[in-house]
Amino acid sequence: MQKLIFFVGVAGTGKTTVAKKLSTSIPAAFLDRDTIGGRFVEAILEMKGLDKNDRDSDFYKKNLRDLEYDTAKDVCIENLAAGQNVFMISPFTAELKNKQWIEDVVAAAGLARSEVDVRVLVVTLQDMELQKERIVERQTVRDQWKLDHWSDFQKRVDFVPEINWELPEKSVLVFDNSGELHEEKIAELLRWLNP
């Protein structure tokens, strides 16, 4: 079966880091929504005279958010149709709530749900100081709002999104990424992905 794995969670929990570690053992198209749409979103925001790092304004949410996510979805569909495993990295909060979304993705790739092992890895952190350190270390201007409003943002660190997709219970895993991401943790995740 092809694998379609979603790495979801709030900023700084380590979604991309976990996905990169697993990608050394599971060949997959590595699709980070920020990479796929980031430059285009920044250019459009700048053309509108807005902060290119903004992802919280009404303009972004109304005009660009779905554009980014839909483009990532289209790239995912192309890779699934080509027979690839796919890692999708981003919060996907609205998409996870939409029961039909995953069905449409798999069908658009010309596949049946029985042919695709869909899994959702929710990456969380119980260690708030570690999360803040990670956000500071990656030095992304886009994270400044989070740092400026840390007391509000930290309430969401262990956030588990609403998932309305029809998935077996075993296909969703909440993973606390606090502490070192050592080989034992990676092996545990690989056992979950390859039962």
N, C-alpha and C. Protein backbone atom coordinates (compact mmCIF):
# COMPACT_ATOMS: atom_id res chain seq x y z
N MET A 1 0.83 -1.20 0.00
CA MET A 1 0.00 0.00 0.00
C MET A 1 0.86 1.25 0.00
N GLN A 2 0.41 2.26 -0.74
CA GLN A 2 1.08 3.55 -0.65
C GLN A 2 0.74 4.19 0.68
N LYS A 3 1.66 5.01 1.16
CA LYS A 3 1.46 5.70 2.43
C LYS A 3 1.25 7.19 2.17
N LEU A 4 0.26 7.75 2.85
CA LEU A 4 0.01 9.19 2.84
C LEU A 4 -0.02 9.61 4.30
N ILE A 5 1.06 10.25 4.74
CA ILE A 5 1.24 10.56 6.15
C ILE A 5 1.17 12.08 6.34
N PHE A 6 0.31 12.51 7.26
CA PHE A 6 0.18 13.92 7.59
C PHE A 6 0.88 14.18 8.92
N PHE A 7 1.78 15.16 8.92
CA PHE A 7 2.48 15.59 10.12
C PHE A 7 1.87 16.93 10.51
N VAL A 8 1.07 16.94 11.56
CA VAL A 8 0.31 18.13 11.93
C VAL A 8 0.66 18.56 13.34
N GLY A 9 0.36 19.82 13.65
CA GLY A 9 0.64 20.37 14.97
C GLY A 9 0.98 21.83 14.84
N VAL A 10 1.08 22.53 15.96
CA VAL A 10 1.36 23.96 15.93
C VAL A 10 2.85 24.20 15.70
N ALA A 11 3.20 25.46 15.44
CA ALA A 11 4.58 25.83 15.13
C ALA A 11 5.51 25.49 16.28
N GLY A 12 6.70 25.01 15.93
CA GLY A 12 7.74 24.76 16.92
C GLY A 12 7.68 23.40 17.58
N THR A 13 6.70 22.58 17.23
CA THR A 13 6.61 21.25 17.85
C THR A 13 7.57 20.26 17.21
N GLY A 14 8.02 20.56 15.98
CA GLY A 14 9.00 19.70 15.32
C GLY A 14 8.43 18.80 14.25
N LYS A 15 7.33 19.22 13.62
CA LYS A 15 6.71 18.42 12.54
C LYS A 15 7.71 18.08 11.45
N THR A 16 8.40 19.09 10.96
CA THR A 16 9.33 18.90 9.85
C THR A 16 10.51 18.04 10.28
N THR A 17 11.02 18.26 11.46
CA THR A 17 12.16 17.48 11.96
C THR A 17 11.79 16.00 12.06
N VAL A 18 10.62 15.70 12.62
CA VAL A 18 10.18 14.31 12.74
C VAL A 18 10.01 13.70 11.36
N ALA A 19 9.38 14.43 10.44
CA ALA A 19 9.16 13.92 9.09
C ALA A 19 10.49 13.63 8.39
N LYS A 20 11.47 14.52 8.56
CA LYS A 20 12.78 14.31 7.93
C LYS A 20 13.46 13.05 8.47
N LYS A 21 13.37 12.84 9.77
CA LYS A 21 13.97 11.64 10.37
C LYS A 21 13.33 10.37 9.80
N LEU A 22 12.00 10.37 9.68
CA LEU A 22 11.30 9.19 9.17
C LEU A 22 11.54 8.99 7.68
N SER A 23 11.79 10.08 6.95
CA SER A 23 11.98 9.97 5.50
C SER A 23 13.26 9.24 5.14
N THR A 24 14.18 9.09 6.09
CA THR A 24 15.40 8.33 5.79
C THR A 24 15.11 6.84 5.73
N SER A 25 13.99 6.41 6.32
CA SER A 25 13.61 4.99 6.32
C SER A 25 12.44 4.68 5.40
N ILE A 26 11.64 5.68 5.08
CA ILE A 26 10.48 5.49 4.21
C ILE A 26 10.60 6.45 3.04
N PRO A 27 10.90 5.95 1.85
CA PRO A 27 10.99 6.85 0.69
C PRO A 27 9.63 7.49 0.44
N ALA A 28 9.63 8.83 0.31
CA ALA A 28 8.37 9.53 0.13
C ALA A 28 8.62 10.90 -0.48
N ALA A 29 7.63 11.41 -1.21
CA ALA A 29 7.64 12.81 -1.61
C ALA A 29 7.44 13.62 -0.34
N PHE A 30 8.28 14.62 -0.12
CA PHE A 30 8.31 15.39 1.12
C PHE A 30 7.68 16.75 0.83
N LEU A 31 6.43 16.94 1.23
CA LEU A 31 5.69 18.15 0.83
C LEU A 31 5.35 19.02 2.04
N ASP A 32 6.17 20.04 2.23
CA ASP A 32 5.93 21.01 3.29
C ASP A 32 5.18 22.19 2.67
N ARG A 33 4.01 22.47 3.18
CA ARG A 33 3.16 23.53 2.61
C ARG A 33 3.88 24.88 2.59
N ASP A 34 4.69 25.17 3.60
CA ASP A 34 5.43 26.44 3.60
C ASP A 34 6.38 26.53 2.41
N THR A 35 7.03 25.43 2.08
CA THR A 35 7.96 25.42 0.96
C THR A 35 7.22 25.54 -0.36
N ILE A 36 6.10 24.84 -0.47
CA ILE A 36 5.34 24.83 -1.73
C ILE A 36 4.76 26.20 -2.05
N GLY A 37 4.19 26.87 -1.07
CA GLY A 37 3.49 28.12 -1.36
C GLY A 37 4.09 29.37 -0.78
N GLY A 38 5.09 29.23 0.06
CA GLY A 38 5.62 30.36 0.80
C GLY A 38 6.07 31.55 -0.03
N ARG A 39 6.85 31.32 -1.07
CA ARG A 39 7.37 32.44 -1.88
C ARG A 39 6.26 33.19 -2.60
N PHE A 40 5.27 32.45 -3.09
CA PHE A 40 4.15 33.08 -3.79
C PHE A 40 3.33 33.93 -2.84
N VAL A 41 3.05 33.39 -1.66
CA VAL A 41 2.28 34.12 -0.65
C VAL A 41 3.02 35.39 -0.26
N GLU A 42 4.33 35.29 -0.03
CA GLU A 42 5.12 36.46 0.34
C GLU A 42 5.05 37.53 -0.75
N ALA A 43 5.19 37.10 -2.01
CA ALA A 43 5.16 38.06 -3.12
C ALA A 43 3.80 38.76 -3.21
N ILE A 44 2.73 38.02 -3.05
CA ILE A 44 1.39 38.63 -3.14
C ILE A 44 1.17 39.59 -1.98
N LEU A 45 1.57 39.20 -0.78
CA LEU A 45 1.42 40.10 0.36
C LEU A 45 2.20 41.39 0.15
N GLU A 46 3.43 41.27 -0.37
CA GLU A 46 4.23 42.47 -0.63
C GLU A 46 3.60 43.35 -1.70
N MET A 47 3.04 42.72 -2.76
CA MET A 47 2.37 43.49 -3.81
C MET A 47 1.18 44.28 -3.25
N LYS A 48 0.56 43.75 -2.22
CA LYS A 48 -0.58 44.41 -1.58
C LYS A 48 -0.15 45.39 -0.50
N GLY A 49 1.17 45.54 -0.32
CA GLY A 49 1.69 46.46 0.68
C GLY A 49 1.55 45.93 2.10
N LEU A 50 1.47 44.61 2.23
CA LEU A 50 1.30 43.98 3.54
C LEU A 50 2.59 43.29 3.97
N ASP A 51 2.65 42.92 5.21
CA ASP A 51 3.81 42.21 5.77
C ASP A 51 3.90 40.83 5.14
N LYS A 52 5.02 40.55 4.48
CA LYS A 52 5.15 39.28 3.76
C LYS A 52 5.16 38.07 4.70
N ASN A 53 5.39 38.29 5.99
CA ASN A 53 5.44 37.19 6.94
C ASN A 53 4.12 36.95 7.66
N ASP A 54 3.14 37.74 7.33
CA ASP A 54 1.84 37.64 8.02
C ASP A 54 1.07 36.40 7.59
N ARG A 55 0.58 35.65 8.56
CA ARG A 55 -0.30 34.51 8.27
C ARG A 55 -1.53 34.56 9.18
N ASP A 56 -1.79 35.74 9.75
CA ASP A 56 -2.90 35.88 10.69
C ASP A 56 -3.95 36.89 10.24
N SER A 57 -3.64 37.71 9.23
CA SER A 57 -4.59 38.77 8.84
C SER A 57 -5.79 38.19 8.11
N ASP A 58 -6.85 38.99 8.07
CA ASP A 58 -8.05 38.61 7.33
C ASP A 58 -7.72 38.45 5.84
N PHE A 59 -6.83 39.32 5.32
CA PHE A 59 -6.49 39.22 3.89
C PHE A 59 -5.87 37.87 3.58
N TYR A 60 -4.91 37.45 4.41
CA TYR A 60 -4.28 36.15 4.18
C TYR A 60 -5.31 35.03 4.26
N LYS A 61 -6.10 35.06 5.32
CA LYS A 61 -7.07 33.97 5.53
C LYS A 61 -8.12 33.91 4.42
N LYS A 62 -8.55 35.05 3.94
CA LYS A 62 -9.60 35.06 2.90
C LYS A 62 -9.06 34.78 1.50
N ASN A 63 -7.83 35.21 1.21
CA ASN A 63 -7.33 35.16 -0.16
C ASN A 63 -6.18 34.18 -0.42
N LEU A 64 -5.40 33.85 0.60
CA LEU A 64 -4.18 33.09 0.34
C LEU A 64 -4.09 31.76 1.06
N ARG A 65 -4.74 31.63 2.19
CA ARG A 65 -4.63 30.40 2.97
C ARG A 65 -5.04 29.18 2.16
N ASP A 66 -6.22 29.21 1.58
CA ASP A 66 -6.68 28.06 0.79
C ASP A 66 -5.85 27.85 -0.47
N LEU A 67 -5.35 28.93 -1.04
CA LEU A 67 -4.48 28.82 -2.22
C LEU A 67 -3.24 27.99 -1.89
N GLU A 68 -2.63 28.27 -0.75
CA GLU A 68 -1.45 27.50 -0.32
C GLU A 68 -1.79 26.03 -0.09
N TYR A 69 -2.84 25.80 0.66
CA TYR A 69 -3.20 24.42 1.00
C TYR A 69 -3.69 23.65 -0.22
N ASP A 70 -4.44 24.30 -1.10
CA ASP A 70 -4.92 23.61 -2.30
C ASP A 70 -3.77 23.27 -3.25
N THR A 71 -2.77 24.13 -3.32
CA THR A 71 -1.60 23.84 -4.15
C THR A 71 -0.84 22.64 -3.58
N ALA A 72 -0.66 22.60 -2.27
CA ALA A 72 -0.01 21.45 -1.65
C ALA A 72 -0.82 20.18 -1.92
N LYS A 73 -2.14 20.30 -1.85
CA LYS A 73 -3.01 19.15 -2.13
C LYS A 73 -2.81 18.67 -3.57
N ASP A 74 -2.73 19.58 -4.53
CA ASP A 74 -2.55 19.20 -5.93
C ASP A 74 -1.22 18.47 -6.15
N VAL A 75 -0.16 18.94 -5.49
CA VAL A 75 1.14 18.29 -5.61
C VAL A 75 1.07 16.89 -4.97
N CYS A 76 0.36 16.79 -3.88
CA CYS A 76 0.15 15.49 -3.22
C CYS A 76 -0.55 14.52 -4.17
N ILE A 77 -1.62 14.98 -4.80
CA ILE A 77 -2.39 14.13 -5.72
C ILE A 77 -1.51 13.64 -6.86
N GLU A 78 -0.70 14.53 -7.43
CA GLU A 78 0.19 14.13 -8.54
C GLU A 78 1.17 13.04 -8.10
N ASN A 79 1.71 13.18 -6.89
CA ASN A 79 2.67 12.20 -6.40
C ASN A 79 2.00 10.87 -6.07
N LEU A 80 0.81 10.91 -5.49
CA LEU A 80 0.07 9.67 -5.24
C LEU A 80 -0.24 8.96 -6.56
N ALA A 81 -0.69 9.73 -7.55
CA ALA A 81 -1.02 9.16 -8.86
C ALA A 81 0.20 8.54 -9.53
N ALA A 82 1.38 9.06 -9.21
CA ALA A 82 2.64 8.53 -9.77
C ALA A 82 3.17 7.34 -8.97
N GLY A 83 2.43 6.92 -7.95
CA GLY A 83 2.82 5.75 -7.18
C GLY A 83 3.73 6.01 -6.00
N GLN A 84 3.87 7.29 -5.62
CA GLN A 84 4.77 7.64 -4.52
C GLN A 84 4.07 7.60 -3.16
N ASN A 85 4.84 7.30 -2.12
CA ASN A 85 4.41 7.61 -0.76
C ASN A 85 4.51 9.12 -0.61
N VAL A 86 3.68 9.70 0.26
CA VAL A 86 3.71 11.16 0.42
C VAL A 86 3.69 11.52 1.90
N PHE A 87 4.60 12.45 2.28
CA PHE A 87 4.59 13.07 3.60
C PHE A 87 4.07 14.49 3.41
N MET A 88 3.01 14.85 4.13
CA MET A 88 2.43 16.20 4.07
C MET A 88 2.67 16.88 5.41
N ILE A 89 3.34 18.05 5.38
CA ILE A 89 3.70 18.73 6.62
C ILE A 89 3.06 20.11 6.67
N SER A 90 2.17 20.31 7.63
CA SER A 90 1.49 21.58 7.87
C SER A 90 0.39 21.33 8.89
N PRO A 91 -0.21 22.35 9.48
CA PRO A 91 -1.27 22.08 10.46
C PRO A 91 -2.53 21.40 9.88
N PHE A 92 -2.95 21.74 8.66
CA PHE A 92 -4.11 21.12 8.02
C PHE A 92 -5.37 21.12 8.90
N THR A 93 -5.51 22.14 9.73
CA THR A 93 -6.61 22.17 10.70
C THR A 93 -7.98 22.10 10.04
N ALA A 94 -8.22 22.96 9.05
CA ALA A 94 -9.53 22.97 8.37
C ALA A 94 -9.75 21.69 7.57
N GLU A 95 -8.69 21.20 6.94
CA GLU A 95 -8.81 20.00 6.10
C GLU A 95 -9.15 18.77 6.94
N LEU A 96 -8.55 18.66 8.12
CA LEU A 96 -8.82 17.52 8.99
C LEU A 96 -10.28 17.50 9.47
N LYS A 97 -10.88 18.66 9.58
CA LYS A 97 -12.29 18.75 9.99
C LYS A 97 -13.25 18.32 8.89
N ASN A 98 -12.79 18.44 7.64
CA ASN A 98 -13.64 18.18 6.47
C ASN A 98 -13.57 16.69 6.12
N LYS A 99 -14.61 15.98 6.46
CA LYS A 99 -14.65 14.52 6.28
C LYS A 99 -14.38 14.11 4.84
N GLN A 100 -14.86 14.90 3.87
CA GLN A 100 -14.76 14.55 2.46
C GLN A 100 -13.39 14.84 1.87
N TRP A 101 -12.60 15.71 2.51
CA TRP A 101 -11.35 16.19 1.92
C TRP A 101 -10.42 15.05 1.56
N ILE A 102 -10.18 14.14 2.49
CA ILE A 102 -9.23 13.05 2.23
C ILE A 102 -9.76 12.10 1.17
N GLU A 103 -11.06 11.89 1.15
CA GLU A 103 -11.67 11.03 0.13
C GLU A 103 -11.44 11.63 -1.26
N ASP A 104 -11.61 12.95 -1.36
CA ASP A 104 -11.41 13.63 -2.64
C ASP A 104 -9.96 13.56 -3.11
N VAL A 105 -9.02 13.68 -2.17
CA VAL A 105 -7.59 13.61 -2.53
C VAL A 105 -7.26 12.24 -3.11
N VAL A 106 -7.67 11.19 -2.43
CA VAL A 106 -7.34 9.84 -2.89
C VAL A 106 -8.03 9.54 -4.22
N ALA A 107 -9.29 9.92 -4.35
CA ALA A 107 -10.03 9.68 -5.60
C ALA A 107 -9.42 10.45 -6.76
N ALA A 108 -8.98 11.68 -6.50
CA ALA A 108 -8.38 12.50 -7.56
C ALA A 108 -7.08 11.89 -8.07
N ALA A 109 -6.43 11.10 -7.22
CA ALA A 109 -5.19 10.40 -7.63
C ALA A 109 -5.49 9.11 -8.38
N GLY A 110 -6.80 8.81 -8.55
CA GLY A 110 -7.19 7.60 -9.26
C GLY A 110 -7.03 6.34 -8.42
N LEU A 111 -7.08 6.50 -7.11
CA LEU A 111 -6.87 5.37 -6.21
C LEU A 111 -8.11 5.13 -5.35
N ALA A 112 -8.21 3.92 -4.84
CA ALA A 112 -9.26 3.59 -3.87
C ALA A 112 -8.68 3.77 -2.47
N ARG A 113 -9.52 4.04 -1.50
CA ARG A 113 -9.04 4.21 -0.13
C ARG A 113 -8.31 2.96 0.36
N SER A 114 -8.72 1.80 -0.14
CA SER A 114 -8.08 0.55 0.27
C SER A 114 -6.64 0.44 -0.25
N GLU A 115 -6.26 1.31 -1.18
CA GLU A 115 -4.92 1.28 -1.75
C GLU A 115 -3.96 2.26 -1.07
N VAL A 116 -4.49 3.10 -0.17
CA VAL A 116 -3.66 4.14 0.45
C VAL A 116 -3.79 4.05 1.97
N ASP A 117 -2.66 3.89 2.63
CA ASP A 117 -2.61 3.88 4.09
C ASP A 117 -2.46 5.33 4.55
N VAL A 118 -3.58 5.93 4.98
CA VAL A 118 -3.58 7.32 5.42
C VAL A 118 -3.36 7.35 6.93
N ARG A 119 -2.40 8.14 7.36
CA ARG A 119 -2.10 8.27 8.79
C ARG A 119 -1.91 9.74 9.16
N VAL A 120 -2.23 10.05 10.40
CA VAL A 120 -2.05 11.41 10.91
C VAL A 120 -1.19 11.34 12.17
N LEU A 121 -0.03 11.98 12.11
CA LEU A 121 0.85 12.07 13.26
C LEU A 121 0.72 13.50 13.81
N VAL A 122 0.11 13.61 14.99
CA VAL A 122 -0.06 14.91 15.64
C VAL A 122 1.15 15.13 16.54
N VAL A 123 1.99 16.10 16.17
CA VAL A 123 3.21 16.36 16.93
C VAL A 123 2.92 17.46 17.95
N THR A 124 3.12 17.14 19.23
CA THR A 124 2.88 18.09 20.31
C THR A 124 4.14 18.23 21.15
N LEU A 125 4.10 19.16 22.08
CA LEU A 125 5.21 19.36 23.02
C LEU A 125 4.64 19.67 24.40
N GLN A 126 5.09 18.97 25.39
CA GLN A 126 4.72 19.31 26.76
C GLN A 126 5.72 20.31 27.36
N ASP A 127 6.91 20.38 26.76
CA ASP A 127 7.97 21.25 27.26
C ASP A 127 7.90 22.60 26.55
N MET A 128 7.27 23.59 27.23
CA MET A 128 7.05 24.90 26.62
C MET A 128 8.35 25.65 26.37
N GLU A 129 9.32 25.53 27.26
CA GLU A 129 10.58 26.23 27.06
C GLU A 129 11.31 25.69 25.83
N LEU A 130 11.23 24.38 25.62
CA LEU A 130 11.84 23.78 24.43
C LEU A 130 11.18 24.30 23.18
N GLN A 131 9.87 24.41 23.20
CA GLN A 131 9.18 24.93 22.02
C GLN A 131 9.64 26.35 21.71
N LYS A 132 9.72 27.18 22.74
CA LYS A 132 10.15 28.56 22.52
C LYS A 132 11.58 28.59 21.98
N GLU A 133 12.46 27.76 22.53
CA GLU A 133 13.84 27.68 22.04
C GLU A 133 13.88 27.32 20.57
N ARG A 134 13.06 26.33 20.17
CA ARG A 134 13.04 25.89 18.78
C ARG A 134 12.57 27.01 17.85
N ILE A 135 11.55 27.74 18.30
CA ILE A 135 11.03 28.83 17.47
C ILE A 135 12.08 29.93 17.33
N VAL A 136 12.78 30.25 18.42
CA VAL A 136 13.82 31.28 18.38
C VAL A 136 14.97 30.82 17.48
N GLU A 137 15.40 29.55 17.64
CA GLU A 137 16.55 29.02 16.88
C GLU A 137 16.32 29.02 15.37
N ARG A 138 15.09 28.76 14.93
CA ARG A 138 14.89 28.68 13.49
C ARG A 138 14.86 30.06 12.83
N GLN A 139 14.80 31.13 13.63
CA GLN A 139 14.95 32.50 13.17
C GLN A 139 14.08 32.82 11.96
N THR A 140 12.79 32.50 12.06
CA THR A 140 11.84 32.81 11.00
C THR A 140 11.06 34.05 11.42
N VAL A 141 11.10 35.09 10.59
CA VAL A 141 10.40 36.33 10.90
C VAL A 141 8.92 36.07 11.14
N ARG A 142 8.39 35.09 10.44
CA ARG A 142 6.98 34.75 10.54
C ARG A 142 6.59 34.33 11.96
N ASP A 143 7.59 33.91 12.76
CA ASP A 143 7.32 33.47 14.12
C ASP A 143 7.27 34.62 15.13
N GLN A 144 7.57 35.85 14.70
CA GLN A 144 7.66 36.95 15.66
C GLN A 144 6.35 37.18 16.41
N TRP A 145 5.21 37.04 15.71
CA TRP A 145 3.92 37.22 16.38
C TRP A 145 3.79 36.24 17.53
N LYS A 146 4.19 35.00 17.30
CA LYS A 146 4.08 33.98 18.35
C LYS A 146 4.92 34.38 19.56
N LEU A 147 6.14 34.85 19.31
CA LEU A 147 7.02 35.23 20.42
C LEU A 147 6.50 36.46 21.15
N ASP A 148 5.93 37.42 20.40
CA ASP A 148 5.38 38.63 21.01
C ASP A 148 4.12 38.35 21.82
N HIS A 149 3.42 37.27 21.48
CA HIS A 149 2.17 36.92 22.17
C HIS A 149 2.30 35.52 22.80
N TRP A 150 3.43 35.27 23.43
CA TRP A 150 3.75 33.92 23.87
C TRP A 150 2.73 33.35 24.84
N SER A 151 2.23 34.16 25.76
CA SER A 151 1.29 33.62 26.75
C SER A 151 0.02 33.12 26.08
N ASP A 152 -0.41 33.78 25.01
CA ASP A 152 -1.58 33.31 24.26
C ASP A 152 -1.22 32.08 23.44
N PHE A 153 -0.08 32.13 22.79
CA PHE A 153 0.30 31.05 21.89
C PHE A 153 0.57 29.75 22.64
N GLN A 154 1.20 29.83 23.81
CA GLN A 154 1.59 28.60 24.52
C GLN A 154 0.39 27.78 24.97
N LYS A 155 -0.78 28.38 25.04
CA LYS A 155 -1.98 27.62 25.40
C LYS A 155 -2.32 26.58 24.34
N ARG A 156 -1.78 26.76 23.12
CA ARG A 156 -2.11 25.87 22.02
C ARG A 156 -1.06 24.79 21.78
N VAL A 157 -0.01 24.73 22.58
CA VAL A 157 1.12 23.86 22.27
C VAL A 157 0.74 22.38 22.23
N ASP A 158 -0.13 21.96 23.13
CA ASP A 158 -0.51 20.54 23.12
C ASP A 158 -1.83 20.33 22.40
N PHE A 159 -2.13 21.28 21.52
CA PHE A 159 -3.38 21.25 20.75
C PHE A 159 -3.45 20.00 19.87
N VAL A 160 -4.55 19.29 19.96
CA VAL A 160 -4.81 18.14 19.08
C VAL A 160 -6.00 18.54 18.22
N PRO A 161 -5.80 18.62 16.90
CA PRO A 161 -6.89 19.08 16.03
C PRO A 161 -8.06 18.10 15.97
N GLU A 162 -9.19 18.65 15.63
CA GLU A 162 -10.37 17.81 15.38
C GLU A 162 -10.15 17.06 14.08
N ILE A 163 -10.26 15.74 14.12
CA ILE A 163 -10.04 14.91 12.93
C ILE A 163 -11.34 14.18 12.61
N ASN A 164 -11.96 14.57 11.49
CA ASN A 164 -13.24 13.97 11.10
C ASN A 164 -13.11 12.98 9.95
N TRP A 165 -11.88 12.67 9.55
CA TRP A 165 -11.69 11.69 8.49
C TRP A 165 -12.04 10.31 9.01
N GLU A 166 -12.53 9.46 8.14
CA GLU A 166 -12.85 8.08 8.53
C GLU A 166 -11.55 7.27 8.50
N LEU A 167 -10.94 7.19 9.67
CA LEU A 167 -9.67 6.47 9.82
C LEU A 167 -9.79 5.51 10.99
N PRO A 168 -9.14 4.36 10.89
CA PRO A 168 -9.07 3.48 12.07
C PRO A 168 -8.33 4.21 13.20
N GLU A 169 -8.66 3.89 14.41
CA GLU A 169 -8.03 4.53 15.57
C GLU A 169 -6.51 4.42 15.52
N LYS A 170 -6.01 3.29 15.03
CA LYS A 170 -4.55 3.07 14.96
C LYS A 170 -3.85 3.98 13.96
N SER A 171 -4.63 4.66 13.10
CA SER A 171 -4.03 5.51 12.07
C SER A 171 -3.76 6.93 12.53
N VAL A 172 -4.13 7.24 13.78
CA VAL A 172 -3.86 8.57 14.34
C VAL A 172 -3.01 8.37 15.60
N LEU A 173 -1.90 9.11 15.65
CA LEU A 173 -1.01 9.02 16.80
C LEU A 173 -0.66 10.42 17.28
N VAL A 174 -0.84 10.67 18.57
CA VAL A 174 -0.40 11.92 19.19
C VAL A 174 0.98 11.64 19.78
N PHE A 175 1.97 12.39 19.30
CA PHE A 175 3.37 12.14 19.65
C PHE A 175 3.95 13.36 20.36
N ASP A 176 4.35 13.18 21.61
CA ASP A 176 5.00 14.25 22.37
C ASP A 176 6.48 14.29 21.97
N ASN A 177 6.85 15.36 21.31
CA ASN A 177 8.20 15.49 20.77
C ASN A 177 9.14 16.25 21.72
N SER A 178 8.82 16.24 23.02
CA SER A 178 9.72 16.85 24.00
C SER A 178 10.97 15.98 24.15
N GLY A 179 12.04 16.61 24.56
CA GLY A 179 13.29 15.87 24.75
C GLY A 179 13.95 15.54 23.43
N GLU A 180 15.02 14.77 23.52
CA GLU A 180 15.79 14.42 22.32
C GLU A 180 15.01 13.45 21.45
N LEU A 181 15.07 13.68 20.15
CA LEU A 181 14.42 12.77 19.19
C LEU A 181 15.41 11.65 18.86
N HIS A 182 15.58 10.74 19.82
CA HIS A 182 16.59 9.70 19.69
C HIS A 182 16.07 8.52 18.86
N GLU A 183 16.98 7.61 18.58
CA GLU A 183 16.68 6.48 17.69
C GLU A 183 15.54 5.61 18.20
N GLU A 184 15.41 5.49 19.50
CA GLU A 184 14.33 4.65 20.06
C GLU A 184 12.96 5.24 19.72
N LYS A 185 12.86 6.57 19.79
CA LYS A 185 11.60 7.24 19.44
C LYS A 185 11.30 7.07 17.95
N ILE A 186 12.33 7.21 17.13
CA ILE A 186 12.15 7.03 15.68
C ILE A 186 11.71 5.60 15.38
N ALA A 187 12.34 4.63 16.05
CA ALA A 187 11.97 3.23 15.84
C ALA A 187 10.52 2.98 16.24
N GLU A 188 10.07 3.63 17.31
CA GLU A 188 8.67 3.49 17.75
C GLU A 188 7.72 4.05 16.68
N LEU A 189 8.08 5.19 16.11
CA LEU A 189 7.24 5.78 15.06
C LEU A 189 7.23 4.92 13.80
N LEU A 190 8.38 4.34 13.47
CA LEU A 190 8.45 3.48 12.29
C LEU A 190 7.61 2.21 12.48
N ARG A 191 7.58 1.70 13.71
CA ARG A 191 6.71 0.53 13.99
C ARG A 191 5.24 0.90 13.82
N TRP A 192 4.89 2.14 14.19
CA TRP A 192 3.51 2.60 14.01
C TRP A 192 3.18 2.73 12.51
N LEU A 193 4.16 3.20 11.74
CA LEU A 193 3.94 3.39 10.31
C LEU A 193 3.96 2.07 9.53
N ASN A 194 4.71 1.12 10.03
CA ASN A 194 4.87 -0.17 9.37
C ASN A 194 4.52 -1.30 10.34
N PRO A 195 3.24 -1.47 10.68
CA PRO A 195 2.87 -2.47 11.68
C PRO A 195 3.13 -3.89 11.20
